[in-house]
Protein backbone atom coordinates (compact mmCIF):
# COMPACT_ATOMS: atom_id res chain seq x y z
CA MET A 1 0.04 0.03 -0.08
CA ILE A 2 1.55 3.37 -1.20
CA ASP A 3 1.89 5.89 2.20
CA ARG A 4 0.13 9.00 1.82
CA ARG A 5 2.98 10.98 1.91
CA THR A 6 4.85 9.20 -1.00
CA LEU A 7 1.20 9.47 -2.97
CA LEU A 8 1.24 13.49 -2.25
CA ALA A 9 4.87 13.90 -3.36
CA GLY A 10 4.00 12.02 -6.44
CA ILE A 11 0.82 13.78 -7.22
CA ALA A 12 2.66 16.85 -6.86
CA ALA A 13 5.37 16.17 -9.40
CA MET A 14 3.14 15.25 -12.14
CA SER A 15 1.22 18.23 -11.21
CA LEU A 16 3.83 20.11 -12.87
CA SER A 17 2.59 19.13 -16.71
CA ALA A 18 -1.21 20.54 -15.70
CA ALA A 19 -0.11 23.92 -13.87
CA PRO A 20 0.70 25.83 -17.07
CA GLY A 21 2.89 29.38 -15.55
CA PHE A 22 4.46 27.24 -13.19
CA ALA A 23 8.43 25.94 -13.81
CA GLN A 24 10.04 23.61 -11.87
CA HIS A 25 11.50 24.39 -8.90
CA GLN A 26 15.03 25.80 -9.44
CA ASP A 27 17.65 25.19 -6.06
CA LEU A 28 19.01 28.41 -5.25
CA GLY A 29 21.74 26.27 -2.72
CA VAL A 30 23.26 29.16 -0.09
CA SER A 31 24.37 32.23 -0.17
CA ALA A 32 27.65 31.90 1.34
CA PRO A 33 29.49 28.90 2.45
CA ASP A 34 29.97 27.93 5.93
CA THR A 35 32.82 29.21 7.70
CA ASP A 36 34.90 26.70 9.92
CA VAL A 37 34.09 29.48 13.05
CA PRO A 38 31.09 28.09 14.97
CA GLN A 39 27.97 30.45 14.70
CA GLN A 40 24.75 30.32 16.22
CA ARG A 41 22.00 31.54 14.42
CA ARG A 42 19.44 33.78 15.97
CA TRP A 43 15.86 33.62 14.78
CA MET A 44 12.29 34.45 15.99
CA MET A 45 9.08 33.48 14.35
CA GLU A 46 5.82 32.24 14.82
CA ASP A 47 4.18 28.47 14.81
CA THR A 48 0.56 27.78 13.42
CA TYR A 49 -1.09 28.53 16.54
CA GLY A 50 0.28 31.77 16.82
CA ASN A 51 3.06 31.05 19.43
CA VAL A 52 6.36 32.58 19.32
CA VAL A 53 9.15 30.39 18.54
CA THR A 54 13.02 31.49 18.57
CA ASN A 55 16.33 29.68 18.30
CA SER A 56 16.11 29.41 21.92
CA ASP A 57 13.31 27.18 22.40
CA MET A 58 15.53 24.79 20.03
CA VAL A 59 18.29 24.04 22.83
CA GLY A 60 18.43 20.58 23.71
CA LYS A 61 17.24 19.31 20.28
CA PHE A 62 18.40 18.50 17.22
CA THR A 63 16.75 21.05 14.41
CA LEU A 64 15.96 20.09 10.97
CA ILE A 65 15.33 23.45 9.03
CA TYR A 66 13.72 23.69 6.03
CA PHE A 67 12.76 26.90 3.87
CA GLY A 68 9.73 26.28 1.17
CA TYR A 69 5.96 27.00 0.72
CA THR A 70 2.89 25.00 0.38
CA GLY A 71 2.56 25.76 -3.33
CA CYS A 72 6.02 24.45 -3.92
CA PRO A 73 4.98 22.05 -7.10
CA ASP A 74 8.05 19.46 -6.71
CA VAL A 75 10.84 19.81 -4.11
CA CYS A 76 9.32 20.80 -0.90
CA PRO A 77 6.47 17.86 -0.84
CA THR A 78 9.16 15.27 -1.87
CA THR A 79 11.67 16.73 0.87
CA LEU A 80 9.08 16.85 3.30
CA ALA A 81 7.99 13.46 2.42
CA THR A 82 12.05 12.41 3.09
CA VAL A 83 12.09 13.84 6.49
CA ALA A 84 8.86 12.45 7.38
CA GLU A 85 9.83 8.96 6.49
CA ALA A 86 13.44 9.57 8.21
CA MET A 87 11.55 10.87 11.71
CA ASP A 88 9.64 7.36 11.19
CA MET A 89 13.23 5.22 10.46
CA LEU A 90 14.64 7.17 13.72
CA GLY A 91 12.15 5.27 16.23
CA ASP A 92 12.79 6.38 19.83
CA ARG A 93 15.42 8.95 18.81
CA ALA A 94 12.83 10.90 16.74
CA GLU A 95 12.27 12.71 20.12
CA MET A 96 15.75 14.34 20.00
CA VAL A 97 14.66 16.12 17.06
CA VAL A 98 12.29 18.91 15.63
CA PRO A 99 11.53 19.30 12.00
CA LEU A 100 11.04 22.98 11.11
CA PHE A 101 9.25 23.74 8.11
CA VAL A 102 9.71 27.50 7.41
CA THR A 103 7.72 29.19 4.47
CA VAL A 104 9.20 31.70 2.26
CA ASP A 105 5.51 32.64 1.40
CA PRO A 106 3.91 34.08 4.39
CA GLU A 107 1.41 36.25 2.23
CA ARG A 108 -0.21 32.88 1.15
CA ASP A 109 0.84 30.41 3.41
CA THR A 110 -1.77 31.42 6.37
CA ALA A 111 -1.25 29.45 9.71
CA GLN A 112 -4.08 27.34 8.95
CA LEU A 113 -2.91 26.42 5.61
CA LEU A 114 0.54 25.71 6.75
CA ARG A 115 -0.82 23.90 9.65
CA GLU A 116 -2.99 21.08 7.65
CA TYR A 117 0.03 21.17 5.57
CA VAL A 118 2.50 20.07 7.76
CA ASN A 119 -0.01 17.76 9.91
CA TYR A 120 -0.53 16.01 6.85
CA MET A 121 2.82 15.37 6.09
CA HIS A 122 3.67 14.71 9.55
CA PRO A 123 2.81 15.33 13.00
CA SER A 124 6.35 15.95 14.12
CA ILE A 125 6.80 18.75 11.80
CA VAL A 126 6.51 22.40 13.36
CA GLY A 127 5.24 25.07 10.71
CA LEU A 128 6.94 28.28 11.12
CA ARG A 129 5.69 31.65 9.52
CA GLY A 130 6.52 35.32 10.11
CA PRO A 131 6.15 38.91 8.71
CA ALA A 132 8.60 39.50 5.50
CA ALA A 133 11.42 41.39 7.81
CA TYR A 134 11.65 38.17 10.35
CA THR A 135 11.26 35.76 6.84
CA ASP A 136 14.26 37.19 5.39
CA HIS A 137 16.34 37.48 8.49
CA MET A 138 16.15 33.63 9.32
CA VAL A 139 16.92 32.98 5.94
CA LYS A 140 19.83 35.09 5.55
CA ALA A 141 21.10 33.32 9.08
CA PHE A 142 21.09 30.26 7.35
CA ASN A 143 22.80 31.47 4.07
CA ALA A 144 19.55 30.27 2.51
CA ARG A 145 18.00 32.31 -0.61
CA TYR A 146 14.64 32.53 -2.03
CA GLU A 147 13.48 34.35 -5.02
CA LYS A 148 10.07 34.87 -6.69
CA TYR A 149 9.58 34.00 -10.10
CA VAL A 150 6.86 35.63 -12.15
CA SER A 151 6.40 34.12 -15.66
CA ASP A 152 3.75 36.48 -17.07
CA PRO A 153 3.83 40.22 -15.39
CA ALA A 154 0.38 40.75 -16.63
CA GLN A 155 -0.76 37.84 -14.02
CA PRO A 156 1.49 38.78 -11.01
CA ASP A 157 -0.42 36.34 -8.44
CA ARG A 158 0.73 33.70 -10.37
CA TYR A 159 4.09 32.77 -9.18
CA SER A 160 6.48 29.95 -8.01
CA ILE A 161 9.25 30.41 -5.28
CA ASP A 162 12.96 29.07 -6.16
CA HIS A 163 14.66 28.66 -3.04
CA THR A 164 17.29 26.63 -1.44
CA ALA A 165 16.63 23.08 -1.23
CA SER A 166 18.88 21.45 1.32
CA VAL A 167 17.97 21.03 5.01
CA ALA A 168 19.98 22.11 7.24
CA LEU A 169 20.59 20.22 10.80
CA VAL A 170 21.30 22.12 13.79
CA GLY A 171 22.61 20.37 16.95
CA PRO A 172 21.48 20.79 20.88
CA ASP A 173 23.79 23.65 21.29
CA GLY A 174 22.11 26.04 18.46
CA PHE A 175 25.40 25.20 16.15
CA LEU A 176 25.02 24.40 12.26
CA ILE A 177 26.27 21.03 12.05
CA LYS A 178 25.68 19.95 8.41
CA ARG A 179 23.24 20.26 5.38
CA TYR A 180 21.32 17.60 3.90
CA PRO A 181 21.39 18.21 0.25
CA HIS A 182 17.96 18.17 -2.05
CA GLY A 183 17.73 14.26 -3.23
CA THR A 184 19.54 12.28 0.09
CA THR A 185 17.28 9.68 0.95
CA ALA A 186 15.12 9.20 3.97
CA ALA A 187 17.25 6.00 4.63
CA ALA A 188 20.62 8.05 4.59
CA MET A 189 19.37 10.84 6.43
CA ALA A 190 17.75 8.36 9.06
CA GLU A 191 21.36 6.56 9.19
CA ASP A 192 23.59 9.71 9.45
CA LEU A 193 21.29 11.77 11.96
CA GLY A 194 20.90 8.41 14.27
CA ALA A 195 24.41 8.41 14.35
CA ILE A 196 24.88 11.99 15.43
CA ILE A 197 22.63 11.78 17.87
CA ASP A 198 24.00 8.42 19.23
CA GLU A 199 27.59 10.36 19.37
CA SER A 200 26.16 13.35 21.19
CA PRO A 201 26.75 13.85 24.86
CA SER A 202 23.78 12.91 26.62
């Protein structure tokens, strides 16, 4: 039987041909390479229930951070499906991990829409949104990028957003550990993350 997240990812990918004006997502990569100097990345957003969430709330947990938007036709649903499957594979160790899906389209991604989207993908995924200035600050803090693409100037409301497609892993101390590039399998992510969790000080 096909898992509903796998089904959603497949439908999203196939929908490209049925959605004129929307190009396949382009991975923008990161804006700058990560330095060798440890760096805490500070941010403040809201969850889908209106609660303020900051980097301080993630202390003591491993955090998977992914920037995207609910209208993404391909990369976001497949990446979140990967994260969801990896969380299931982690078993009890998943309690040490908080996956965050940060929308780069807060104007359209209302709290309710974002909540329904992440809950459908996996109950552990936390949706975050905020004003453009807060969104830009968090995106910049993680050297991520996003750009709105309007294919037809006469229809400015019909747009897609290219964005960084990798998933950032932040440690319990708030420092970036690594990035999982787009295309990483759930098994590879779970195996690597599990090993990192097992090696971390208790």
